[in-house]
C-alpha cells in the first residue's frame, strides 16, 4: 500500500527537481521513501517553502550520494561540514551562498530529519545540534523618525478632553 502511494506521489517531486526519491533515502527502505514523499506533500503546505526546501534537500542528498554516505551514516559532524561548505566562497571550493540561504538549507535538513525521526526512520536528527551562521539585520524596515518628525507627530495628537465635558445632567 505504501509503495503504491509513493509511486503515485513521486510525480509531485518532479517539480521540486527530483527525478524520484533520492538514492540515499530509498536505500533506507520503503518507509523512508514514503516519509520523504509525505514530507513534501502533506507536511509543507506553502508552495514556495516546498520548492526552496526541495532544492536544498536535493542538493544535500546529491552531496551525500557523491560521498557514498548512507542515511544511517549521517551525524552532526557531517551535516556541519556540509553547512560550512555552503557558506564558503567559491574561490575556496565552497558554494558561496549567503548566510540566509545557508540557514534555510539547514532548516530544510533539520525539518526533514525531524519528520523522518517521528516516523521511525532515523533514531536521531543529525542536524538538530548543528548551528547555522549568525545573521542579524542591523537596519529594520521601519524608518526612524527625526526629532522634528517626532515632535510633529506628537503635536498632531488631540489634547485630552476635560473631564467636565463628560458630566451627565448637572
Protein backbone atom coordinates (compact mmCIF):
# COMPACT_ATOMS: atom_id res chain seq x y z
CA UNK A 1 0.00 0.00 0.00
CA UNK A 2 2.71 2.50 0.98
CA UNK A 3 4.68 1.60 -2.15
CA UNK A 4 1.70 2.43 -4.38
CA UNK A 5 1.23 5.77 -2.63
CA UNK A 6 4.89 6.65 -3.10
CA UNK A 7 4.72 5.78 -6.81
CA UNK A 8 1.59 7.93 -7.28
CA UNK A 9 3.09 10.89 -5.45
CA UNK A 10 6.58 10.72 -6.98
CA UNK A 11 5.42 12.80 -9.94
CA UNK A 12 4.94 15.68 -7.48
CA UNK A 13 8.65 15.51 -6.68
CA UNK A 14 9.47 16.35 -10.30
CA UNK A 15 8.51 20.00 -9.82
CA UNK A 16 10.97 20.11 -6.90
CA UNK A 17 13.87 18.97 -9.08
CA UNK A 18 13.83 15.31 -8.04
CA UNK A 19 13.73 12.57 -10.66
CA UNK A 20 12.35 10.37 -7.88
CA UNK A 21 13.16 9.61 -4.29
CA UNK A 22 16.91 10.21 -3.78
CA UNK A 23 19.06 7.09 -3.55
CA UNK A 24 20.20 7.88 0.00
CA UNK A 25 16.53 7.83 1.06
CA UNK A 26 15.30 4.87 -1.00
CA UNK A 27 18.27 2.77 0.15
CA UNK A 28 16.96 3.16 3.71
CA UNK A 29 13.77 1.30 2.80
CA UNK A 30 10.17 1.72 1.77
CA UNK A 31 9.21 3.51 4.99
CA UNK A 32 11.92 6.13 4.42
CA UNK A 33 10.76 6.67 0.82
CA UNK A 34 7.17 7.05 1.93
CA UNK A 35 8.07 9.54 4.68
CA UNK A 36 10.23 11.54 2.24
CA UNK A 37 7.35 11.92 -0.22
CA UNK A 38 4.90 12.58 2.60
CA UNK A 39 7.21 15.28 3.99
CA UNK A 40 6.77 17.34 0.83
CA UNK A 41 3.16 16.51 0.03
CA UNK A 42 1.49 16.56 3.44
CA UNK A 43 3.83 18.35 5.82
CA UNK A 44 4.81 21.54 3.95
CA UNK A 45 1.73 23.49 2.94
CA UNK A 46 3.34 26.61 1.44
CA UNK A 47 4.35 26.04 -2.19
CA UNK A 48 7.31 28.45 -2.06
CA UNK A 49 8.67 26.74 1.05
CA UNK A 50 8.16 23.35 -0.59
CA UNK A 51 10.16 24.42 -3.66
CA UNK A 52 13.03 26.02 -1.72
CA UNK A 53 13.25 23.12 0.76
CA UNK A 54 13.10 20.71 -2.18
CA UNK A 55 16.05 22.45 -3.82
CA UNK A 56 18.01 22.48 -0.55
CA UNK A 57 17.35 18.79 0.16
CA UNK A 58 18.08 17.76 -3.42
CA UNK A 59 21.49 19.43 -3.13
CA UNK A 60 22.14 17.82 0.26
CA UNK A 61 21.10 14.34 -0.92
CA UNK A 62 23.28 14.67 -4.04
CA UNK A 63 26.22 15.77 -1.88
CA UNK A 64 25.74 12.76 0.40
CA UNK A 65 25.41 10.36 -2.53
CA UNK A 66 28.58 11.76 -4.16
CA UNK A 67 30.43 10.80 -0.97
CA UNK A 68 28.84 7.35 -0.69
CA UNK A 69 27.04 8.23 2.55
CA UNK A 70 24.02 6.29 3.76
CA UNK A 71 21.21 7.72 5.88
CA UNK A 72 22.47 5.88 8.97
CA UNK A 73 25.99 7.31 8.42
CA UNK A 74 24.86 10.90 8.88
CA UNK A 75 25.82 12.66 12.09
CA UNK A 76 26.18 16.28 13.27
CA UNK A 77 29.82 16.49 12.11
CA UNK A 78 28.90 15.52 8.53
CA UNK A 79 25.94 17.91 8.43
CA UNK A 80 28.07 20.72 9.92
CA UNK A 81 30.70 20.10 7.24
CA UNK A 82 28.08 20.42 4.53
CA UNK A 83 26.67 23.63 6.06
CA UNK A 84 30.20 25.04 6.28
CA UNK A 85 30.75 24.21 2.60
CA UNK A 86 27.63 26.13 1.59
CA UNK A 87 28.85 29.35 3.17
CA UNK A 88 32.43 29.16 1.88
CA UNK A 89 33.32 31.36 -1.10
CA UNK A 90 33.53 29.64 -4.47
CA UNK A 91 37.24 30.52 -4.62
CA UNK A 92 37.75 28.30 -1.57
CA UNK A 93 35.82 25.39 -3.16
CA UNK A 94 32.59 26.35 -1.41
CA UNK A 95 29.19 27.18 -2.81
CA UNK A 96 29.24 30.88 -1.96
CA UNK A 97 25.71 31.01 -0.54
CA UNK A 98 24.58 33.96 1.55
CA UNK A 99 24.02 33.46 5.29
CA UNK A 100 20.20 33.49 4.96
CA UNK A 101 20.43 30.82 2.23
CA UNK A 102 22.69 28.66 4.37
CA UNK A 103 20.27 29.00 7.29
CA UNK A 104 17.38 27.99 5.02
CA UNK A 105 19.26 24.89 3.84
CA UNK A 106 19.95 23.91 7.44
CA UNK A 107 16.29 24.47 8.34
CA UNK A 108 15.21 22.17 5.49
CA UNK A 109 17.62 19.43 6.59
CA UNK A 110 16.53 19.74 10.22
CA UNK A 111 12.87 19.64 9.33
CA UNK A 112 13.25 16.57 7.08
CA UNK A 113 15.18 14.63 9.72
CA UNK A 114 12.67 15.65 12.41
CA UNK A 115 9.98 14.21 10.16
CA UNK A 116 11.97 11.05 9.45
CA UNK A 117 12.62 10.70 13.19
CA UNK A 118 8.96 10.96 14.17
CA UNK A 119 8.22 8.35 11.51
CA UNK A 120 10.74 5.94 12.99
CA UNK A 121 13.10 6.05 10.00
CA UNK A 122 16.10 7.51 11.86
CA UNK A 123 16.96 7.29 15.56
CA UNK A 124 18.13 10.87 15.90
CA UNK A 125 18.21 14.08 13.91
CA UNK A 126 21.83 14.62 12.78
CA UNK A 127 21.12 18.30 12.10
CA UNK A 128 19.48 19.24 15.40
CA UNK A 129 22.69 20.29 17.15
CA UNK A 130 24.28 21.96 14.10
CA UNK A 131 24.42 25.72 14.36
CA UNK A 132 23.99 27.89 11.33
CA UNK A 133 25.81 31.12 10.60
CA UNK A 134 24.91 34.16 12.66
CA UNK A 135 22.90 36.67 10.73
CA UNK A 136 21.07 39.69 12.01
CA UNK A 137 19.62 42.65 10.22
CA UNK A 138 21.09 45.80 11.67
CA UNK A 139 18.64 48.12 9.98
CA UNK A 140 14.95 47.33 10.05
CA UNK A 141 12.33 48.22 7.50
CA UNK A 142 10.61 50.68 9.82
CA UNK A 143 12.02 54.15 9.23
CA UNK A 144 13.41 56.10 12.18
CA UNK A 145 11.76 59.48 12.76
CA UNK A 146 13.88 62.58 13.09
CA UNK A 147 13.36 64.80 16.15
CA UNK A 148 11.31 67.23 14.05
CA UNK A 149 9.08 64.46 12.67
CA UNK A 150 8.56 63.03 16.16
CA UNK A 151 7.55 66.48 17.51
CA UNK A 152 5.16 66.97 14.58
CA UNK A 153 3.59 63.55 15.22
CA UNK A 154 3.14 64.24 18.94
CA UNK A 155 1.69 67.70 18.27
CA UNK A 156 -0.89 66.17 15.89
CA UNK A 157 -2.44 64.09 18.69
CA UNK A 158 -5.61 65.81 20.01
CA UNK A 159 -5.40 67.22 23.51
CA UNK A 160 -7.30 65.38 26.26
CA UNK A 161 -10.95 66.32 26.66
CA UNK A 162 -11.62 67.92 30.06
CA UNK A 163 -13.49 65.60 32.42
CA UNK A 164 -16.19 68.27 32.93
CA UNK A 165 -17.31 67.66 29.33
CA UNK A 166 -18.39 64.16 30.40
CA UNK A 167 -20.63 65.30 33.27
CA UNK A 168 -24.15 63.96 32.90
CA UNK A 169 -27.17 66.02 33.77
CA UNK A 170 -25.63 68.58 36.10
